[in-house]
Amino acid sequence: MIKKSSYLPIVAIFIGLNSPCAADAVDESSARKAGEAAVKKVIPRKMDYQKLKFSFMPFGVTVNNITFSENPRFLKHPLRDWPHFAHAEEIRLQAELLPLFIGRISVLDLAINNFSANLLIDKDYSLNVDDLKQQKRGNLINWLHIKNFHASHGVVRVVDASAANPPARLVFDEIDLKFSGFAVKDKFNIDLSLRSPQSKTSNV
């Protein structure tokens, strides 16, 4: 049987922040501590945020201005010119509360608005996301279901130090990603649009 506390890391991955708390005991300080402890189990990055708000009917979390730090190995890379690895102005999550108590995560809606991320490829083809890919997620991901996901107004910057001189710098913006009915063992459709480098309009 999956222990109740074991769902915390997965919730932390998707809201980048915290775990459910009792309605009469929620405050920003305790939520920050609980969230950071959960995130450290799966994401070896420092995170910060400006504002946190809980709702309980339905259960949900809204986070404003959340940032994730850079991979420590790449902090002093000569091509790195950004303050954070990733940033989002707002993340909103609504989930069914009862499944959490039996170790399942049923997300009704997950929305990420105005987000940006920076991808750095070093000369040896290592990436600044390698530490995230190497983290063990465990089997709980098999119990995750997301009914609706929408990430909008996104920007991904790519710096490729392995390219011929000068290093390649690419920007993909106007990213809009939607999917529904996500489950690890089930098929689901993804709707993605973005503007590729040197294009004036969304073309993908």
C-alpha atoms as a PDB file:
ATOM      1  CA  MET A   1       0.000   0.000   0.000  1.00  0.00           C
ATOM      2  CA  ILE A   2       1.256   3.491  -0.848  1.00  0.00           C
ATOM      3  CA  LYS A   3       1.736   5.620   2.223  1.00  0.00           C
ATOM      4  CA  LYS A   4      -0.199   8.859   2.430  1.00  0.00           C
ATOM      5  CA  SER A   5       2.965  10.956   2.687  1.00  0.00           C
ATOM      6  CA  SER A   6       4.412   9.467  -0.484  1.00  0.00           C
ATOM      7  CA  TYR A   7       2.287  11.624  -2.789  1.00  0.00           C
ATOM      8  CA  LEU A   8       4.101  14.786  -1.691  1.00  0.00           C
ATOM      9  CA  PRO A   9       6.986  14.619  -4.177  1.00  0.00           C
ATOM     10  CA  ILE A  10       4.719  14.232  -7.192  1.00  0.00           C
ATOM     11  CA  VAL A  11       2.458  17.090  -6.121  1.00  0.00           C
ATOM     12  CA  ALA A  12       5.600  19.150  -5.645  1.00  0.00           C
ATOM     13  CA  ILE A  13       6.774  18.394  -9.172  1.00  0.00           C
ATOM     14  CA  PHE A  14       3.621  19.694 -10.800  1.00  0.00           C
ATOM     15  CA  ILE A  15       3.021  22.757  -8.662  1.00  0.00           C
ATOM     16  CA  GLY A  16       6.680  23.174  -7.904  1.00  0.00           C
ATOM     17  CA  LEU A  17       5.773  23.997  -4.371  1.00  0.00           C
ATOM     18  CA  ASN A  18       3.878  22.169  -1.677  1.00  0.00           C
ATOM     19  CA  SER A  19       1.694  19.464  -0.232  1.00  0.00           C
ATOM     20  CA  PRO A  20      -1.825  19.526   1.204  1.00  0.00           C
ATOM     21  CA  CYS A  21      -2.158  20.994   4.697  1.00  0.00           C
ATOM     22  CA  ALA A  22      -5.042  21.248   7.110  1.00  0.00           C
ATOM     23  CA  ALA A  23      -7.344  24.152   6.280  1.00  0.00           C
ATOM     24  CA  ASP A  24      -7.034  25.742   9.711  1.00  0.00           C
ATOM     25  CA  ALA A  25      -3.242  25.515   9.777  1.00  0.00           C
ATOM     26  CA  VAL A  26      -2.154  26.878   6.400  1.00  0.00           C
ATOM     27  CA  ASP A  27       0.217  29.820   6.332  1.00  0.00           C
ATOM     28  CA  GLU A  28       2.928  30.815   3.914  1.00  0.00           C
ATOM     29  CA  SER A  29       5.809  29.932   6.215  1.00  0.00           C
ATOM     30  CA  SER A  30       4.674  26.375   6.952  1.00  0.00           C
ATOM     31  CA  ALA A  31       3.680  25.807   3.322  1.00  0.00           C
ATOM     32  CA  ARG A  32       7.096  26.972   2.152  1.00  0.00           C
ATOM     33  CA  LYS A  33       8.882  24.585   4.526  1.00  0.00           C
ATOM     34  CA  ALA A  34       6.684  21.643   3.568  1.00  0.00           C
ATOM     35  CA  GLY A  35       7.046  22.420  -0.104  1.00  0.00           C
ATOM     36  CA  GLU A  36      10.806  22.809  -0.052  1.00  0.00           C
ATOM     37  CA  ALA A  37      11.196  19.522   1.831  1.00  0.00           C
ATOM     38  CA  ALA A  38       9.056  17.741  -0.758  1.00  0.00           C
ATOM     39  CA  VAL A  39      10.759  19.339  -3.742  1.00  0.00           C
ATOM     40  CA  LYS A  40      14.234  18.441  -2.497  1.00  0.00           C
ATOM     41  CA  LYS A  41      13.276  14.779  -2.647  1.00  0.00           C
ATOM     42  CA  VAL A  42      12.868  14.923  -6.409  1.00  0.00           C
ATOM     43  CA  ILE A  43      14.220  18.238  -7.718  1.00  0.00           C
ATOM     44  CA  PRO A  44      17.757  19.211  -6.676  1.00  0.00           C
ATOM     45  CA  ARG A  45      17.112  22.907  -7.223  1.00  0.00           C
ATOM     46  CA  LYS A  46      16.406  25.888  -5.034  1.00  0.00           C
ATOM     47  CA  MET A  47      12.994  27.428  -5.556  1.00  0.00           C
ATOM     48  CA  ASP A  48      11.372  30.644  -4.472  1.00  0.00           C
ATOM     49  CA  TYR A  49       7.981  32.239  -4.929  1.00  0.00           C
ATOM     50  CA  GLN A  50       6.202  35.484  -4.147  1.00  0.00           C
ATOM     51  CA  LYS A  51       2.687  34.478  -3.163  1.00  0.00           C
ATOM     52  CA  LEU A  52       0.883  31.294  -2.178  1.00  0.00           C
ATOM     53  CA  LYS A  53      -2.866  30.797  -1.890  1.00  0.00           C
ATOM     54  CA  PHE A  54      -4.829  27.685  -0.919  1.00  0.00           C
ATOM     55  CA  SER A  55      -8.458  26.866  -1.596  1.00  0.00           C
ATOM     56  CA  PHE A  56     -10.327  23.859  -0.242  1.00  0.00           C
ATOM     57  CA  MET A  57     -13.661  23.715  -2.057  1.00  0.00           C
ATOM     58  CA  PRO A  58     -12.413  22.493  -4.452  1.00  0.00           C
ATOM     59  CA  PHE A  59      -8.918  21.772  -3.194  1.00  0.00           C
ATOM     60  CA  GLY A  60      -6.405  23.899  -5.050  1.00  0.00           C
ATOM     61  CA  VAL A  61      -3.202  25.892  -4.916  1.00  0.00           C
ATOM     62  CA  THR A  62      -2.189  29.072  -6.722  1.00  0.00           C
ATOM     63  CA  VAL A  63       1.453  30.139  -6.797  1.00  0.00           C
ATOM     64  CA  ASN A  64       2.715  33.453  -8.147  1.00  0.00           C
ATOM     65  CA  ASN A  65       6.168  34.299  -9.467  1.00  0.00           C
ATOM     66  CA  ILE A  66       7.860  30.983  -8.803  1.00  0.00           C
ATOM     67  CA  THR A  67      11.483  30.449  -9.831  1.00  0.00           C
ATOM     68  CA  PHE A  68      13.822  27.470  -9.970  1.00  0.00           C
ATOM     69  CA  SER A  69      17.579  27.912  -9.687  1.00  0.00           C
ATOM     70  CA  GLU A  70      20.164  26.810 -12.208  1.00  0.00           C
ATOM     71  CA  ASN A  71      21.984  23.477 -12.127  1.00  0.00           C
ATOM     72  CA  PRO A  72      24.960  24.166  -9.782  1.00  0.00           C
ATOM     73  CA  ARG A  73      27.356  22.735 -12.340  1.00  0.00           C
ATOM     74  CA  PHE A  74      26.337  25.429 -14.860  1.00  0.00           C
ATOM     75  CA  LEU A  75      26.186  28.429 -12.520  1.00  0.00           C
ATOM     76  CA  LYS A  76      29.500  29.852 -13.736  1.00  0.00           C
ATOM     77  CA  HIS A  77      29.205  28.780 -17.351  1.00  0.00           C
ATOM     78  CA  PRO A  78      30.498  31.626 -19.569  1.00  0.00           C
ATOM     79  CA  LEU A  79      27.414  31.493 -21.807  1.00  0.00           C
ATOM     80  CA  ARG A  80      24.887  31.639 -18.992  1.00  0.00           C
ATOM     81  CA  ASP A  81      23.312  35.107 -18.863  1.00  0.00           C
ATOM     82  CA  TRP A  82      20.014  34.438 -17.044  1.00  0.00           C
ATOM     83  CA  PRO A  83      19.196  34.671 -13.318  1.00  0.00           C
ATOM     84  CA  HIS A  84      17.033  31.526 -13.050  1.00  0.00           C
ATOM     85  CA  PHE A  85      16.695  28.211 -14.812  1.00  0.00           C
ATOM     86  CA  ALA A  86      12.911  28.599 -14.987  1.00  0.00           C
ATOM     87  CA  HIS A  87      10.217  31.060 -13.962  1.00  0.00           C
ATOM     88  CA  ALA A  88       6.423  31.186 -14.091  1.00  0.00           C
ATOM     89  CA  GLU A  89       4.205  34.120 -13.232  1.00  0.00           C
ATOM     90  CA  GLU A  90       1.376  31.860 -12.124  1.00  0.00           C
ATOM     91  CA  ILE A  91       0.724  28.171 -11.517  1.00  0.00           C
ATOM     92  CA  ARG A  92      -2.797  27.043 -10.636  1.00  0.00           C
ATOM     93  CA  LEU A  93      -3.694  23.507  -9.609  1.00  0.00           C
ATOM     94  CA  GLN A  94      -7.019  21.962  -8.673  1.00  0.00           C
ATOM     95  CA  ALA A  95      -7.167  18.353  -7.527  1.00  0.00           C
ATOM     96  CA  GLU A  96      -9.633  15.884  -6.125  1.00  0.00           C
ATOM     97  CA  LEU A  97      -8.949  15.654  -2.421  1.00  0.00           C
ATOM     98  CA  LEU A  98     -10.194  12.152  -1.595  1.00  0.00           C
ATOM     99  CA  PRO A  99      -7.822  10.244  -3.936  1.00  0.00           C
ATOM    100  CA  LEU A 100      -4.872  11.832  -2.137  1.00  0.00           C
ATOM    101  CA  PHE A 101      -5.702   9.882   0.994  1.00  0.00           C
ATOM    102  CA  ILE A 102      -5.269   6.568  -0.814  1.00  0.00           C
ATOM    103  CA  GLY A 103      -2.039   7.595  -2.494  1.00  0.00           C
ATOM    104  CA  ARG A 104      -3.478   8.602  -5.859  1.00  0.00           C
ATOM    105  CA  ILE A 105      -3.204  11.998  -7.504  1.00  0.00           C
ATOM    106  CA  SER A 106      -6.163  13.102  -9.589  1.00  0.00           C
ATOM    107  CA  VAL A 107      -5.524  16.583 -10.973  1.00  0.00           C
ATOM    108  CA  LEU A 108      -8.595  18.295 -12.370  1.00  0.00           C
ATOM    109  CA  ASP A 109      -6.823  21.308 -13.839  1.00  0.00           C
ATOM    110  CA  LEU A 110      -3.189  22.393 -13.998  1.00  0.00           C
ATOM    111  CA  ALA A 111      -2.404  25.742 -15.606  1.00  0.00           C
ATOM    112  CA  ILE A 112       0.968  27.442 -16.036  1.00  0.00           C
ATOM    113  CA  ASN A 113       0.889  31.028 -17.277  1.00  0.00           C
ATOM    114  CA  ASN A 114       3.702  33.211 -18.601  1.00  0.00           C
ATOM    115  CA  PHE A 115       6.565  30.795 -18.119  1.00  0.00           C
ATOM    116  CA  SER A 116      10.157  30.753 -19.312  1.00  0.00           C
ATOM    117  CA  ALA A 117      12.983  28.233 -19.216  1.00  0.00           C
ATOM    118  CA  ASN A 118      16.626  28.269 -20.254  1.00  0.00           C
ATOM    119  CA  LEU A 119      18.282  25.214 -21.793  1.00  0.00           C
ATOM    120  CA  LEU A 120      22.081  25.119 -21.973  1.00  0.00           C
ATOM    121  CA  ILE A 121      23.973  22.510 -23.991  1.00  0.00           C
ATOM    122  CA  ASP A 122      27.665  22.350 -23.103  1.00  0.00           C
ATOM    123  CA  LYS A 123      30.534  21.488 -25.444  1.00  0.00           C
ATOM    124  CA  ASP A 124      30.510  17.893 -24.205  1.00  0.00           C
ATOM    125  CA  TYR A 125      26.756  17.704 -24.979  1.00  0.00           C
ATOM    126  CA  SER A 126      25.802  17.645 -21.308  1.00  0.00           C
ATOM    127  CA  LEU A 127      22.670  19.613 -20.426  1.00  0.00           C
ATOM    128  CA  ASN A 128      21.705  21.835 -17.531  1.00  0.00           C
ATOM    129  CA  VAL A 129      18.684  19.546 -17.058  1.00  0.00           C
ATOM    130  CA  ASP A 130      20.701  16.341 -16.673  1.00  0.00           C
ATOM    131  CA  ASP A 131      20.366  16.491 -12.887  1.00  0.00           C
ATOM    132  CA  LEU A 132      16.579  16.581 -13.217  1.00  0.00           C
ATOM    133  CA  LYS A 133      16.514  13.620 -15.602  1.00  0.00           C
ATOM    134  CA  GLN A 134      18.643  11.551 -13.226  1.00  0.00           C
ATOM    135  CA  GLN A 135      16.322  11.964 -10.244  1.00  0.00           C
ATOM    136  CA  LYS A 136      14.393   8.845  -9.250  1.00  0.00           C
ATOM    137  CA  ARG A 137      10.650   9.392  -9.461  1.00  0.00           C
ATOM    138  CA  GLY A 138       9.537   6.096  -7.954  1.00  0.00           C
ATOM    139  CA  ASN A 139       6.410   4.171  -8.882  1.00  0.00           C
ATOM    140  CA  LEU A 140       3.931   6.780  -7.710  1.00  0.00           C
ATOM    141  CA  ILE A 141       3.931   8.437 -11.127  1.00  0.00           C
ATOM    142  CA  ASN A 142       1.876   5.436 -12.273  1.00  0.00           C
ATOM    143  CA  TRP A 143      -0.946   6.668 -10.023  1.00  0.00           C
ATOM    144  CA  LEU A 144      -0.999  10.161 -11.495  1.00  0.00           C
ATOM    145  CA  HIS A 145      -3.891  11.359 -13.625  1.00  0.00           C
ATOM    146  CA  ILE A 146      -4.269  14.862 -15.069  1.00  0.00           C
ATOM    147  CA  LYS A 147      -7.642  15.722 -16.540  1.00  0.00           C
ATOM    148  CA  ASN A 148      -6.662  19.062 -18.093  1.00  0.00           C
ATOM    149  CA  PHE A 149      -3.280  20.766 -18.541  1.00  0.00           C
ATOM    150  CA  HIS A 150      -2.599  24.126 -20.177  1.00  0.00           C
ATOM    151  CA  ALA A 151       0.711  25.989 -20.339  1.00  0.00           C
ATOM    152  CA  SER A 152       0.460  29.340 -22.108  1.00  0.00           C
ATOM    153  CA  HIS A 153       2.601  32.317 -23.113  1.00  0.00           C
ATOM    154  CA  GLY A 154       5.830  30.360 -22.789  1.00  0.00           C
ATOM    155  CA  VAL A 155       9.385  31.058 -23.842  1.00  0.00           C
ATOM    156  CA  VAL A 156      12.252  28.560 -24.065  1.00  0.00           C
ATOM    157  CA  ARG A 157      15.750  29.870 -24.742  1.00  0.00           C
ATOM    158  CA  VAL A 158      18.354  27.420 -26.002  1.00  0.00           C
ATOM    159  CA  VAL A 159      22.096  28.093 -25.911  1.00  0.00           C
ATOM    160  CA  ASP A 160      24.186  25.437 -27.640  1.00  0.00           C
ATOM    161  CA  ALA A 161      27.884  25.632 -26.789  1.00  0.00           C
ATOM    162  CA  SER A 162      28.548  22.492 -28.842  1.00  0.00           C
ATOM    163  CA  ALA A 163      27.700  24.289 -32.080  1.00  0.00           C
ATOM    164  CA  ALA A 164      30.326  25.772 -34.366  1.00  0.00           C
ATOM    165  CA  ASN A 165      31.499  29.293 -33.574  1.00  0.00           C
ATOM    166  CA  PRO A 166      29.672  31.325 -32.547  1.00  0.00           C
ATOM    167  CA  PRO A 167      27.552  29.261 -30.112  1.00  0.00           C
ATOM    168  CA  ALA A 168      23.969  28.840 -31.281  1.00  0.00           C
ATOM    169  CA  ARG A 169      21.304  30.890 -29.515  1.00  0.00           C
ATOM    170  CA  LEU A 170      17.682  30.025 -30.283  1.00  0.00           C
ATOM    171  CA  VAL A 171      14.426  31.347 -28.869  1.00  0.00           C
ATOM    172  CA  PHE A 172      11.098  29.525 -29.084  1.00  0.00           C
ATOM    173  CA  ASP A 173       8.237  31.691 -27.846  1.00  0.00           C
ATOM    174  CA  GLU A 174       4.460  32.008 -27.902  1.00  0.00           C
ATOM    175  CA  ILE A 175       4.438  28.434 -26.602  1.00  0.00           C
ATOM    176  CA  ASP A 176       0.970  27.075 -25.918  1.00  0.00           C
ATOM    177  CA  LEU A 177       0.676  23.468 -24.766  1.00  0.00           C
ATOM    178  CA  LYS A 178      -2.518  21.605 -23.942  1.00  0.00           C
ATOM    179  CA  PHE A 179      -3.371  18.017 -23.162  1.00  0.00           C
ATOM    180  CA  SER A 180      -6.120  16.132 -21.384  1.00  0.00           C
ATOM    181  CA  GLY A 181      -6.594  12.718 -19.877  1.00  0.00           C
ATOM    182  CA  PHE A 182      -2.927  12.200 -19.029  1.00  0.00           C
ATOM    183  CA  ALA A 183      -1.998   8.897 -17.418  1.00  0.00           C
ATOM    184  CA  VAL A 184       1.327   7.094 -17.728  1.00  0.00           C
ATOM    185  CA  LYS A 185      -0.103   3.913 -19.208  1.00  0.00           C
ATOM    186  CA  ASP A 186      -2.747   5.541 -21.410  1.00  0.00           C
ATOM    187  CA  LYS A 187      -2.566   7.344 -24.736  1.00  0.00           C
ATOM    188  CA  PHE A 188      -3.415  11.026 -24.788  1.00  0.00           C
ATOM    189  CA  ASN A 189      -3.335  13.832 -27.328  1.00  0.00           C
ATOM    190  CA  ILE A 190      -1.077  16.890 -27.122  1.00  0.00           C
ATOM    191  CA  ASP A 191      -1.920  20.213 -28.744  1.00  0.00           C
ATOM    192  CA  LEU A 192       1.224  22.342 -29.134  1.00  0.00           C
ATOM    193  CA  SER A 193       1.852  25.627 -30.892  1.00  0.00           C
ATOM    194  CA  LEU A 194       4.902  27.891 -30.803  1.00  0.00           C
ATOM    195  CA  ARG A 195       6.905  30.387 -32.806  1.00  0.00           C
ATOM    196  CA  SER A 196      10.240  29.081 -33.975  1.00  0.00           C
ATOM    197  CA  PRO A 197      13.342  31.278 -34.335  1.00  0.00           C
ATOM    198  CA  GLN A 198      13.197  33.982 -37.039  1.00  0.00           C
ATOM    199  CA  SER A 199       9.471  33.481 -37.574  1.00  0.00           C
ATOM    200  CA  LYS A 200       7.034  36.383 -37.186  1.00  0.00           C
ATOM    201  CA  THR A 201       4.031  34.226 -36.298  1.00  0.00           C
ATOM    202  CA  SER A 202       3.335  30.912 -34.591  1.00  0.00           C
ATOM    203  CA  ASN A 203       4.290  28.293 -37.143  1.00  0.00           C
ATOM    204  CA  VAL A 204       4.456  24.963 -35.304  1.00  0.00           C
END
